[in-house]
Protein backbone atom coordinates (compact mmCIF):
# COMPACT_ATOMS: atom_id res chain seq x y z
CA MET A 1 16.74 -5.50 -9.39
CA LYS A 2 16.91 -7.86 -12.36
CA ARG A 3 13.77 -8.75 -14.26
CA TYR A 4 13.07 -12.49 -14.53
CA PHE A 5 12.64 -12.51 -18.30
CA ASP A 6 16.04 -10.94 -18.81
CA HIS A 7 17.65 -13.92 -17.07
CA PHE A 8 15.32 -16.83 -17.93
CA ASP A 9 17.00 -20.21 -17.44
CA ASN A 10 14.22 -22.84 -17.24
CA THR A 11 14.55 -23.05 -13.45
CA ALA A 12 11.86 -25.11 -11.74
CA PHE A 13 10.57 -23.23 -8.70
CA ASP A 14 9.02 -24.25 -5.43
CA VAL A 15 6.51 -21.40 -5.55
CA ILE A 16 4.97 -19.20 -8.24
CA ILE A 17 3.20 -16.08 -6.96
CA ILE A 18 0.62 -14.32 -9.11
CA GLY A 19 0.21 -10.67 -8.15
CA GLY A 20 2.68 -7.98 -7.12
CA GLY A 21 0.58 -5.99 -4.67
CA ILE A 22 1.46 -6.04 -0.99
CA THR A 23 0.09 -9.57 -0.44
CA GLY A 24 2.14 -11.03 -3.28
CA ALA A 25 5.21 -8.98 -2.37
CA ALA A 26 5.08 -10.02 1.29
CA THR A 27 4.48 -13.66 0.34
CA ALA A 28 7.46 -13.67 -2.03
CA TYR A 29 9.63 -12.25 0.74
CA GLU A 30 8.31 -14.66 3.36
CA ALA A 31 8.84 -17.69 1.12
CA ALA A 32 12.32 -16.59 0.06
CA THR A 33 13.45 -16.03 3.65
CA ARG A 34 12.31 -19.56 4.47
CA GLY A 35 14.47 -21.20 1.85
CA LEU A 36 12.02 -21.61 -1.04
CA ARG A 37 12.75 -20.95 -4.70
CA VAL A 38 10.29 -18.23 -5.64
CA VAL A 39 9.17 -16.39 -8.76
CA LEU A 40 6.59 -13.58 -8.75
CA PHE A 41 4.62 -12.28 -11.75
CA GLU A 42 2.65 -9.01 -11.80
CA LYS A 43 0.59 -8.12 -14.87
CA GLY A 44 1.08 -4.38 -14.35
CA ASP A 45 3.56 -2.57 -12.16
CA PHE A 46 4.30 -3.55 -8.59
CA CYS A 47 1.80 -2.02 -6.14
CA GLU A 48 -0.15 -0.44 -9.00
CA ALA A 49 -3.76 -1.09 -8.08
CA THR A 50 -5.44 -1.89 -4.75
CA SER A 51 -2.26 -1.67 -2.68
CA ALA A 52 -1.52 1.82 -4.01
CA ALA A 53 -5.07 3.00 -3.28
CA SER A 54 -4.66 2.82 0.47
CA SER A 55 -5.37 5.40 3.15
CA LYS A 56 -1.62 5.41 3.89
CA LEU A 57 -2.33 4.09 7.36
CA ILE A 58 -0.86 1.10 9.16
CA HIS A 59 -3.49 0.69 11.83
CA GLY A 60 -5.04 -1.69 14.28
CA GLY A 61 -8.57 -1.24 13.02
CA LEU A 62 -10.24 0.53 15.92
CA ARG A 63 -13.64 0.37 14.25
CA TYR A 64 -13.43 -3.44 14.02
CA LEU A 65 -13.95 -3.53 17.79
CA ALA A 66 -17.60 -2.71 17.08
CA ASN A 67 -17.84 -6.13 15.37
CA MET A 68 -16.05 -7.72 18.35
CA GLU A 69 -13.21 -8.81 16.06
CA TYR A 70 -10.73 -8.73 18.92
CA GLY A 71 -8.45 -11.29 17.31
CA LEU A 72 -8.15 -9.25 14.11
CA VAL A 73 -7.50 -6.04 16.06
CA ARG A 74 -4.83 -7.73 18.21
CA GLU A 75 -3.17 -9.22 15.12
CA SER A 76 -3.24 -5.82 13.40
CA LEU A 77 -1.73 -4.02 16.39
CA ARG A 78 1.06 -6.58 16.67
CA GLU A 79 1.79 -6.32 12.94
CA ARG A 80 1.75 -2.52 13.18
CA ARG A 81 4.60 -2.77 15.67
CA ILE A 82 6.48 -5.29 13.52
CA LEU A 83 6.26 -3.00 10.48
CA GLU A 84 7.52 -0.11 12.61
CA ASN A 85 10.50 -2.33 13.42
CA ILE A 86 11.38 -3.83 10.05
CA ALA A 87 10.55 -0.72 7.99
CA PRO A 88 11.23 2.21 10.35
CA ASN A 89 11.72 4.80 7.61
CA PHE A 90 8.35 3.98 6.05
CA VAL A 91 6.08 3.54 9.08
CA HIS A 92 5.69 6.42 11.55
CA PRO A 93 3.47 6.90 14.61
CA CYS A 94 0.74 9.43 13.86
CA PRO A 95 -1.59 11.05 16.42
CA MET A 96 -5.27 10.71 15.54
CA LEU A 97 -7.93 13.01 17.00
CA MET A 98 -11.45 11.67 17.40
CA PRO A 99 -14.13 14.15 18.59
CA HIS A 100 -16.91 13.30 21.03
CA TYR A 101 -20.49 14.50 20.54
CA ARG A 102 -23.45 14.47 22.87
CA ASP A 103 -25.99 13.71 20.12
CA ARG A 104 -24.12 10.96 18.23
CA PHE A 105 -24.09 7.52 19.83
CA LYS A 106 -20.98 6.27 18.03
CA SER A 107 -19.14 9.45 19.09
CA ASN A 108 -20.21 9.23 22.71
CA LYS A 109 -17.35 10.15 25.03
CA TRP A 110 -17.68 7.11 27.27
CA LEU A 111 -18.22 4.64 24.44
CA ILE A 112 -15.03 5.86 22.76
CA LYS A 113 -13.21 5.80 26.11
CA VAL A 114 -14.08 2.13 26.56
CA GLY A 115 -13.06 1.32 22.97
CA LEU A 116 -9.72 3.10 23.22
CA THR A 117 -8.96 1.49 26.58
CA ILE A 118 -9.50 -1.93 24.98
CA TYR A 119 -7.39 -0.76 22.02
CA ASP A 120 -4.53 0.21 24.36
CA CYS A 121 -4.78 -3.12 26.17
CA LEU A 122 -4.70 -5.11 22.94
CA ALA A 123 -1.60 -3.10 21.96
CA TYR A 124 0.17 -4.00 25.20
CA ASP A 125 3.48 -4.52 23.34
CA LYS A 126 3.38 -1.24 21.40
CA GLY A 127 6.40 0.05 23.32
CA ARG A 128 8.62 -2.82 22.20
CA THR A 129 10.00 -1.03 19.17
CA TRP A 130 13.61 -1.40 18.03
CA ASP A 131 13.74 2.36 17.53
CA ARG A 132 12.78 3.83 20.88
CA THR A 133 11.62 7.06 19.23
CA LYS A 134 8.72 5.08 17.76
CA LYS A 135 7.21 4.10 21.08
CA ILE A 136 3.45 4.72 21.00
CA PRO A 137 1.73 6.11 24.14
CA ASN A 138 -1.75 5.32 25.44
CA HIS A 139 -4.69 7.47 24.43
CA GLN A 140 -5.49 10.81 26.07
CA THR A 141 -8.72 12.75 26.55
CA LEU A 142 -9.05 16.44 25.58
CA THR A 143 -11.52 19.10 26.66
CA PRO A 144 -13.58 20.79 23.93
CA ASP A 145 -11.28 23.83 23.99
CA GLN A 146 -8.18 21.65 23.73
CA ALA A 147 -9.70 19.71 20.84
CA LEU A 148 -10.60 22.88 18.92
CA ALA A 149 -7.14 24.30 19.52
CA ARG A 150 -5.70 21.18 17.87
CA GLN A 151 -8.16 21.09 14.97
CA PRO A 152 -10.51 24.10 14.51
CA VAL A 153 -12.44 22.24 11.78
CA LEU A 154 -14.32 20.20 14.37
CA THR A 155 -18.05 20.83 14.54
CA LYS A 156 -18.64 22.80 17.73
CA LYS A 157 -22.30 22.01 18.37
CA ASN A 158 -22.70 19.34 21.07
CA LEU A 159 -18.91 18.81 21.18
CA THR A 160 -17.99 17.28 24.56
CA GLY A 161 -14.26 16.83 23.95
CA ALA A 162 -12.03 14.50 21.98
CA SER A 163 -9.62 11.63 22.32
CA ILE A 164 -6.08 11.47 20.97
CA PHE A 165 -4.76 8.02 20.13
CA PHE A 166 -1.97 6.79 17.89
CA ASP A 167 -1.81 4.65 14.79
CA CYS A 168 0.87 4.72 12.10
CA LEU A 169 1.22 6.55 8.80
CA SER A 170 2.93 4.93 5.83
CA ILE A 171 4.80 7.75 4.11
CA SER A 172 4.97 5.88 0.77
CA PRO A 173 3.01 2.60 0.52
CA GLU A 174 4.24 2.06 -3.03
CA ARG A 175 7.87 2.16 -1.95
CA LEU A 176 7.13 0.05 1.12
CA ALA A 177 5.71 -2.66 -1.17
CA LEU A 178 8.78 -2.24 -3.37
CA ALA A 179 10.97 -2.77 -0.29
CA PHE A 180 9.30 -6.17 0.17
CA ILE A 181 9.96 -6.96 -3.51
CA LYS A 182 13.60 -5.88 -3.21
CA SER A 183 13.98 -7.88 -0.01
CA ALA A 184 12.58 -10.98 -1.70
CA ALA A 185 14.96 -10.49 -4.63
CA SER A 186 17.91 -10.10 -2.28
CA ARG A 187 17.02 -13.54 -0.89
CA GLY A 188 17.01 -15.13 -4.33
CA ALA A 189 13.43 -14.62 -5.49
CA ARG A 190 12.92 -13.89 -9.17
CA VAL A 191 10.42 -11.15 -10.01
CA ALA A 192 8.87 -9.52 -13.05
CA ASN A 193 6.35 -6.74 -13.55
CA TYR A 194 4.36 -6.45 -16.78
CA ALA A 195 4.15 -10.23 -16.77
CA ARG A 196 0.60 -11.52 -17.29
CA VAL A 197 -0.34 -15.07 -16.38
CA ASN A 198 -2.63 -16.36 -19.14
CA GLY A 199 -3.12 -19.99 -18.18
CA PHE A 200 -2.08 -22.94 -16.07
CA ILE A 201 0.04 -26.02 -16.77
CA ARG A 202 -1.57 -29.25 -15.54
CA ASP A 203 -0.48 -32.82 -15.07
CA ASP A 204 -1.72 -35.56 -17.43
CA LYS A 205 -4.80 -36.18 -15.30
CA GLY A 206 -5.67 -32.49 -15.23
CA THR A 207 -6.02 -32.50 -11.45
CA THR A 208 -2.77 -30.82 -10.42
CA ILE A 209 -1.45 -27.38 -11.29
CA GLN A 210 2.23 -27.68 -12.20
CA GLY A 211 2.92 -24.11 -13.28
CA VAL A 212 1.73 -21.20 -15.39
CA LYS A 213 1.92 -19.75 -18.86
CA VAL A 214 3.02 -16.14 -18.68
CA ASP A 215 3.18 -13.35 -21.26
CA ASP A 216 6.09 -10.91 -21.15
CA LEU A 217 4.23 -7.70 -21.96
CA ILE A 218 7.49 -5.85 -22.59
CA ASP A 219 9.05 -8.14 -25.20
CA GLY A 220 5.95 -10.01 -26.37
CA LYS A 221 7.14 -13.54 -25.65
CA THR A 222 5.29 -16.28 -23.77
CA LEU A 223 6.99 -18.72 -21.41
CA GLU A 224 5.99 -21.74 -19.38
CA VAL A 225 7.18 -21.67 -15.78
CA ARG A 226 6.83 -24.65 -13.44
CA ALA A 227 6.58 -24.90 -9.67
CA ALA A 228 5.32 -27.22 -6.96
CA VAL A 229 2.71 -24.69 -5.83
CA THR A 230 1.11 -21.63 -7.42
CA ILE A 231 -0.26 -18.95 -5.10
CA ASN A 232 -2.99 -16.64 -6.37
CA CYS A 233 -2.47 -13.20 -4.76
CA ALA A 234 -4.28 -11.22 -7.45
CA GLY A 235 -6.63 -9.39 -5.09
CA PRO A 236 -9.71 -8.11 -6.96
CA TRP A 237 -8.52 -10.10 -9.99
CA SER A 238 -8.39 -13.41 -8.11
CA ASP A 239 -11.57 -14.64 -9.76
CA ASP A 240 -10.08 -13.95 -13.20
CA ILE A 241 -7.13 -16.15 -12.31
CA LEU A 242 -9.43 -18.89 -11.02
CA ALA A 243 -11.52 -18.72 -14.19
CA MET A 244 -8.49 -20.07 -16.04
CA THR A 245 -8.98 -23.38 -14.24
CA ARG A 246 -12.09 -23.77 -16.43
CA GLY A 247 -13.72 -27.13 -15.65
CA ASN A 248 -12.89 -27.09 -11.97
CA ASP A 249 -15.24 -25.58 -9.40
CA THR A 250 -13.52 -22.39 -8.28
CA ARG A 251 -16.33 -21.47 -5.87
CA HIS A 252 -16.57 -17.83 -6.88
CA ARG A 253 -16.82 -16.02 -3.56
CA LEU A 254 -15.15 -12.66 -4.06
CA ARG A 255 -16.87 -9.31 -3.77
CA ARG A 256 -15.31 -5.92 -4.33
CA SER A 257 -15.68 -2.66 -2.45
CA GLU A 258 -14.65 0.73 -3.82
CA GLY A 259 -12.56 3.06 -1.69
CA ILE A 260 -11.53 6.49 -2.96
CA HIS A 261 -9.39 9.33 -1.60
CA ILE A 262 -8.89 12.94 -2.58
CA ILE A 263 -6.04 15.36 -1.95
CA THR A 264 -6.50 19.10 -1.46
CA LYS A 265 -4.40 21.99 -0.21
CA ALA A 266 -3.68 21.91 3.52
CA LEU A 267 -7.00 22.20 5.38
CA ILE A 268 -5.92 21.09 8.85
CA GLY A 269 -2.96 21.60 11.15
CA GLU A 270 0.07 19.34 10.91
CA THR A 271 -0.12 18.30 14.57
CA CYS A 272 -2.46 15.34 14.06
CA ALA A 273 -4.91 13.62 11.78
CA VAL A 274 -8.60 13.93 12.56
CA SER A 275 -11.31 11.31 12.24
CA ALA A 276 -15.05 11.68 12.66
CA ILE A 277 -18.24 9.65 12.56
CA THR A 278 -20.29 10.84 9.59
CA PRO A 279 -23.99 11.72 9.80
CA GLY A 280 -24.63 8.31 8.23
CA GLY A 281 -22.80 6.49 11.02
CA ARG A 282 -19.63 5.66 9.08
CA HIS A 283 -16.25 7.29 9.43
CA CYS A 284 -14.10 9.70 7.47
CA PHE A 285 -10.73 11.29 8.11
CA LEU A 286 -8.41 14.15 7.22
CA LEU A 287 -4.68 13.37 7.19
CA PRO A 288 -1.84 15.88 6.95
CA TRP A 289 0.30 14.52 4.11
CA ARG A 290 3.23 16.17 2.33
CA GLY A 291 1.98 19.69 3.01
CA HIS A 292 -1.53 18.81 1.79
CA THR A 293 -4.63 17.14 3.22
CA LEU A 294 -5.53 13.57 2.32
CA ILE A 295 -9.25 12.88 2.68
CA GLY A 296 -10.93 9.50 2.79
CA THR A 297 -12.59 7.21 2.35
CA THR A 298 -15.60 5.53 0.78
CA ASP A 299 -16.70 1.92 1.09
CA THR A 300 -19.31 1.06 -1.50
CA PRO A 301 -20.04 -2.12 -3.47
CA TYR A 302 -18.54 -2.40 -6.96
CA HIS A 303 -20.13 -4.85 -9.40
CA GLY A 304 -18.14 -4.40 -12.62
CA HIS A 305 -14.92 -5.96 -13.83
CA PRO A 306 -11.85 -4.63 -11.99
CA ASP A 307 -10.15 -3.73 -15.29
CA ASP A 308 -12.98 -1.28 -15.97
CA TYR A 309 -12.82 0.50 -12.62
CA ARG A 310 -12.26 4.26 -12.59
CA VAL A 311 -12.85 6.91 -9.95
CA SER A 312 -16.04 8.75 -10.91
CA ARG A 313 -17.16 12.32 -10.36
CA ALA A 314 -20.17 10.99 -8.47
CA SER A 315 -17.92 9.16 -5.99
CA ILE A 316 -15.80 12.26 -5.43
CA GLU A 317 -18.85 14.47 -4.93
CA ALA A 318 -20.32 11.99 -2.46
CA LEU A 319 -17.10 11.96 -0.42
CA ILE A 320 -16.90 15.78 -0.45
CA ALA A 321 -20.52 16.07 0.72
CA THR A 322 -19.91 13.58 3.53
CA VAL A 323 -16.77 15.33 4.75
CA ASN A 324 -18.32 18.81 4.58
CA ALA A 325 -21.24 17.53 6.67
CA SER A 326 -18.89 15.94 9.23
CA PHE A 327 -16.71 18.99 9.91
CA GLU A 328 -17.26 22.71 10.28
CA GLY A 329 -16.09 25.44 7.93
CA LEU A 330 -14.39 23.23 5.34
CA ALA A 331 -16.71 24.02 2.41
CA ILE A 332 -14.63 21.84 0.07
CA ARG A 333 -15.57 22.30 -3.57
CA TYR A 334 -15.00 19.93 -6.46
CA GLU A 335 -12.51 22.43 -7.90
CA ASP A 336 -10.39 22.09 -4.74
CA VAL A 337 -9.48 18.49 -5.56
CA ARG A 338 -5.87 18.38 -6.73
CA HIS A 339 -5.58 14.64 -6.99
CA CYS A 340 -7.84 11.62 -6.58
CA TYR A 341 -7.27 7.91 -6.53
CA GLY A 342 -9.27 4.82 -5.79
CA GLY A 343 -9.15 1.07 -5.72
CA LEU A 344 -11.15 -2.07 -5.10
CA ARG A 345 -10.91 -3.96 -1.84
CA PRO A 346 -11.40 -7.72 -2.19
CA LEU A 347 -13.90 -9.05 0.36
CA VAL A 348 -14.72 -12.67 1.05
CA GLU A 349 -18.27 -13.45 -0.08
CA ASP A 350 -19.74 -14.95 3.07
CA GLN A 351 -18.61 -12.26 5.49
CA THR A 352 -21.54 -9.85 5.20
CA GLU A 353 -23.90 -8.33 2.68
CA GLU A 354 -22.81 -4.78 3.55
CA THR A 355 -19.31 -3.80 2.47
CA TYR A 356 -18.67 -1.13 5.13
CA SER A 357 -19.22 -3.55 8.00
CA ALA A 358 -17.47 -6.41 6.19
CA SER A 359 -14.57 -7.94 8.04
CA ARG A 360 -11.03 -7.24 6.81
CA GLN A 361 -10.10 -10.76 7.84
CA TYR A 362 -8.46 -12.85 5.15
CA GLU A 363 -8.86 -16.40 3.93
CA ILE A 364 -6.36 -18.88 2.51
CA TYR A 365 -8.09 -21.33 0.22
CA ASP A 366 -6.53 -24.61 -0.88
CA HIS A 367 -8.10 -25.65 -4.18
CA GLY A 368 -7.20 -29.25 -3.44
CA ASP A 369 -10.59 -29.22 -1.72
CA ASP A 370 -12.07 -28.66 -5.20
CA GLY A 371 -10.04 -31.48 -6.70
CA LEU A 372 -7.30 -29.20 -8.06
CA ASP A 373 -4.01 -29.61 -6.24
CA GLY A 374 -1.06 -27.24 -6.47
CA LEU A 375 -3.12 -24.02 -6.31
CA VAL A 376 -3.73 -21.77 -3.30
CA THR A 377 -5.67 -18.49 -3.24
CA ALA A 378 -5.28 -15.71 -0.68
CA GLU A 379 -8.37 -13.50 -0.38
CA GLY A 380 -9.24 -10.41 1.63
CA GLY A 381 -6.94 -8.91 4.23
CA LYS A 382 -5.43 -5.45 4.55
CA TRP A 383 -2.09 -3.66 4.37
CA THR A 384 -1.30 -3.93 8.07
CA THR A 385 -1.66 -7.70 8.30
CA SER A 386 -0.03 -8.54 4.96
CA ARG A 387 3.19 -9.90 6.47
CA HIS A 388 1.30 -12.21 8.81
CA LEU A 389 -0.99 -13.37 6.00
CA ALA A 390 2.16 -14.20 4.01
CA ARG A 391 3.52 -16.17 6.95
CA LYS A 392 0.31 -18.18 7.21
CA ILE A 393 0.35 -18.89 3.47
CA VAL A 394 3.88 -20.28 3.63
CA ASP A 395 3.02 -22.24 6.79
CA ARG A 396 0.20 -23.83 4.79
CA LEU A 397 2.66 -24.92 2.10
CA GLY A 398 4.46 -26.99 4.70
CA ASP A 399 1.21 -28.80 5.42
CA LYS A 400 0.40 -29.62 1.80
CA THR A 401 3.82 -30.29 0.22
CA ARG A 402 7.10 -31.95 1.04
CA LEU A 403 8.99 -28.73 0.54
CA PRO A 404 11.68 -28.09 3.16
CA ILE A 405 10.46 -24.92 4.85
CA SER A 406 12.37 -23.27 7.67
CA ARG A 407 10.82 -21.21 10.47
CA SER A 408 9.62 -17.68 9.81
CA VAL A 409 12.11 -14.89 10.47
CA SER A 410 10.43 -12.00 8.65
CA ASP A 411 9.44 -10.32 11.92
CA ARG A 412 13.10 -10.13 12.93
CA LEU A 413 14.74 -8.82 9.75
CA TYR A 414 14.93 -5.27 8.43
CA LEU A 415 13.60 -4.83 4.91
CA GLU A 416 16.08 -3.78 2.23
CA GLY A 417 17.07 -0.15 2.72
CA SER A 418 15.54 -0.02 6.20
CA ARG A 419 18.36 -1.10 8.51
CA ILE A 420 18.02 2.00 10.68
CA ARG A 421 18.12 1.72 14.46
CA ASP A 422 17.45 5.38 15.26
CA LEU A 423 15.55 7.17 12.50
CA PRO A 424 15.88 10.77 13.80
CA ALA A 425 19.65 10.30 14.23
CA PHE A 426 19.89 8.74 10.76
CA ILE A 427 18.07 11.67 9.15
CA GLU A 428 20.09 14.29 11.00
CA GLY A 429 23.27 12.53 9.90
CA LYS A 430 22.20 12.70 6.26
CA ILE A 431 21.27 16.38 6.60
CA ARG A 432 24.77 17.11 7.90
CA HIS A 433 26.39 15.04 5.14
CA TYR A 434 24.36 16.68 2.36
CA ARG A 435 24.59 20.32 3.42
CA ASP A 436 24.52 21.34 -0.24
CA PHE A 437 20.87 20.18 -0.49
CA ASP A 438 17.74 21.64 1.06
CA GLN A 439 17.14 20.12 4.50
CA ALA A 440 13.49 19.31 3.78
CA THR A 441 14.50 17.47 0.59
CA VAL A 442 17.12 15.38 2.39
CA ARG A 443 14.68 14.57 5.19
CA TYR A 444 11.99 13.46 2.73
CA LEU A 445 14.37 11.40 0.60
CA ALA A 446 15.92 9.77 3.67
CA GLU A 447 12.47 8.58 4.70
CA ILE A 448 11.37 7.10 1.39
CA TYR A 449 14.75 5.63 0.41
CA GLY A 450 16.23 4.78 3.80
CA THR A 451 19.82 3.62 3.48
CA GLU A 452 19.50 3.78 -0.32
CA VAL A 453 19.27 7.58 -0.16
CA ASP A 454 23.00 7.92 -0.88
CA GLY A 455 22.42 6.38 -4.31
CA VAL A 456 19.94 9.13 -5.17
CA LEU A 457 21.82 12.08 -3.73
CA SER A 458 25.20 10.96 -5.10
CA LEU A 459 23.62 11.01 -8.57
CA ALA A 460 22.43 14.55 -7.93
CA ARG A 461 25.87 15.60 -6.76
CA LYS A 462 27.58 14.04 -9.75
CA HIS A 463 25.09 15.54 -12.20
CA PRO A 464 23.87 18.90 -10.76
CA ALA A 465 21.01 19.08 -13.28
CA LEU A 466 19.48 16.08 -11.46
CA ALA A 467 19.32 18.07 -8.23
CA ALA A 468 16.57 20.24 -9.71
CA PRO A 469 13.51 20.32 -7.40
CA LEU A 470 10.31 19.18 -9.10
CA ASN A 471 7.84 20.34 -6.44
CA GLN A 472 7.76 21.89 -2.97
CA ALA A 473 7.34 18.50 -1.32
CA GLY A 474 10.94 17.35 -1.81
CA ASP A 475 11.11 15.36 -5.05
CA ILE A 476 14.14 15.90 -7.32
CA LEU A 477 15.03 14.74 -10.80
CA ALA A 478 17.70 12.31 -9.55
CA GLN A 479 14.93 10.04 -8.26
CA ALA A 480 13.74 9.41 -11.79
CA ALA A 481 17.26 8.56 -12.97
CA TYR A 482 17.74 6.22 -10.00
CA ALA A 483 14.42 4.47 -10.71
CA ALA A 484 15.31 3.96 -14.37
CA ARG A 485 18.66 2.42 -13.47
CA HIS A 486 17.79 0.31 -10.44
CA GLU A 487 14.04 -0.11 -9.88
CA MET A 488 12.55 -1.95 -12.87
CA VAL A 489 10.43 0.84 -14.35
CA HIS A 490 8.94 0.70 -17.83
CA THR A 491 6.56 3.66 -18.02
CA LEU A 492 6.50 7.27 -16.91
CA LYS A 493 3.61 6.44 -14.59
CA ASP A 494 5.79 3.85 -12.83
CA ILE A 495 8.26 6.60 -12.06
CA VAL A 496 6.06 9.53 -11.07
CA LEU A 497 3.36 7.59 -9.18
CA ARG A 498 5.09 4.55 -7.66
CA ARG A 499 8.88 5.02 -7.42
CA THR A 500 8.68 8.71 -6.52
CA GLY A 501 6.10 11.18 -5.24
CA ILE A 502 6.38 13.48 -8.27
CA ALA A 503 2.73 13.06 -9.30
CA THR A 504 1.14 11.75 -6.11
CA LEU A 505 -0.05 15.27 -5.25
CA GLY A 506 -1.64 15.70 -8.66
CA ASN A 507 -0.57 16.65 -12.16
CA PRO A 508 2.83 18.40 -11.89
CA GLY A 509 2.35 19.84 -15.37
CA GLU A 510 3.38 18.84 -18.87
CA ASN A 511 6.77 20.58 -18.57
CA VAL A 512 7.79 18.60 -15.49
CA LEU A 513 6.53 15.31 -16.92
CA THR A 514 8.40 15.93 -20.16
CA LEU A 515 11.57 16.76 -18.23
CA VAL A 516 11.29 13.51 -16.28
CA ALA A 517 10.63 11.50 -19.44
CA LYS A 518 13.61 13.02 -21.24
CA THR A 519 15.82 12.33 -18.23
CA VAL A 520 15.13 8.59 -18.37
CA ALA A 521 14.74 8.27 -22.15
CA ALA A 522 18.28 7.09 -22.88
CA GLU A 523 18.24 4.55 -20.05
CA LEU A 524 14.87 3.12 -21.12
CA GLY A 525 15.40 3.41 -24.88
CA TRP A 526 12.63 5.94 -25.52
CA ASN A 527 12.58 8.05 -28.69
CA GLU A 528 10.77 11.38 -29.06
CA LYS A 529 7.53 9.67 -30.07
CA ARG A 530 7.60 7.41 -27.01
CA ILE A 531 8.33 10.40 -24.76
CA ARG A 532 5.23 12.19 -26.06
CA GLN A 533 3.13 9.05 -25.64
CA GLU A 534 4.28 8.54 -22.05
CA VAL A 535 3.57 12.16 -21.13
CA SER A 536 0.12 12.03 -22.74
CA LYS A 537 -0.83 8.77 -21.00
CA THR A 538 0.31 10.08 -17.64
CA ILE A 539 -1.62 13.32 -17.99
CA GLY A 540 -4.69 11.26 -18.87
CA THR A 541 -4.27 9.15 -15.75
CA LEU A 542 -3.94 12.22 -13.54
CA GLU A 543 -7.03 14.00 -14.86
CA ILE A 544 -9.78 14.68 -12.32
CA PRO A 545 -13.04 13.15 -13.65
CA LYS A 546 -15.19 15.76 -15.42
């Protein structure tokens, strides 16, 4: 990928997108595939904040049935299937076990049976996957003994059985978002991370947005970039972007909800994830992930500025207490947490006063209604429906501009690196081709790089030192070199948290981080001082709150 500032040519665009999370990335891709000239600016790294703080699930939103949001659930289930199709290496069916209890209304066997039957019906097209190995079956009911055989951590008292249903796991959300960015770029979109929008360009009357002023945080220069429409996809920072309109009524409506996750050693079997209704009537889950257990999540109001957000010890302790009370024999301690991460979900103000029950529906707001043309804001939403939200945003542009916009094709095109018709056959082929590498490593890399995996493994073959394993989960040093050369990285954190999985299981240690930094130093122009700074900053980011 080429960074926009490195090839600036005063091009006037059709669309400027502010924000490089999954909403901005999907919107850039959608607009580019429909013939628009697009540029995207992200003030940090792509998929750095909210989009990276996901539960790693691409799901229909079973719990939204309780709010009778059948339209949202149907949309989510359809989009789940589409993401399975266009990104088959990233999105995998995952069995989910939900226990039934006699003394908990929301866990009642028959209530769940009705809900899952509706869920199956709304997912009537779940078998229409391009890769037939990804076909998702209907739910099944287990006896108590069968449920405990699958997951012994279930609380036994009043257990009446369990249901097994399927949603999808996203093996690497950060790289999935990057695949959207790469796909947009391959269609002509211009993109830049570490590019902070600091103001808007208006017409002489001050009533139309004609572009943005943007700071290049790498080289320190400021540019003016013009477009017919600017789309605000800044998520929890959307209000900050709207504040730059100053005199215009931006109708501040955004609220923020904190969601955190923790990672521990493996606590459950690899056969399925397990979800449970907590004593407080909410839900929590345990996911098998890269030989560890991913535990989530919280949903609590956050009232500060998003720049100031950090995962707190109190939030971690509250999640641990909830999970320990929801399962039997876990006895998770604070010291067991190997990694934690969190983010802020943007919620539309008028949906509800309580963040847990707030809808994950999205809104597209045209600020022409406030007397400020040329500006659109996308608010709310979730990972699963991001492509469809992007489609609706671009559809809206056709209504408000004279831009020539073709029909949407994003549901029929593989993302970059994902043109794989049969994933198991693809992986087995790579294992045979790279017999000189550990099978588990090849399998893991084939999933997170797809058809780009040859670029990583050929580097490792050419330079054997780059084949060095960095953890037991499959990461190797060649990934860092590949990221530095091809994937627009600027910091060590970009590499170890978002282009690779080197630090997504926790701090890999100063020696590993230093080795990674030294490997990319020449490519990125880092001296010894910068290497030490990058290692120190990364260790600070990975620290568990005291």
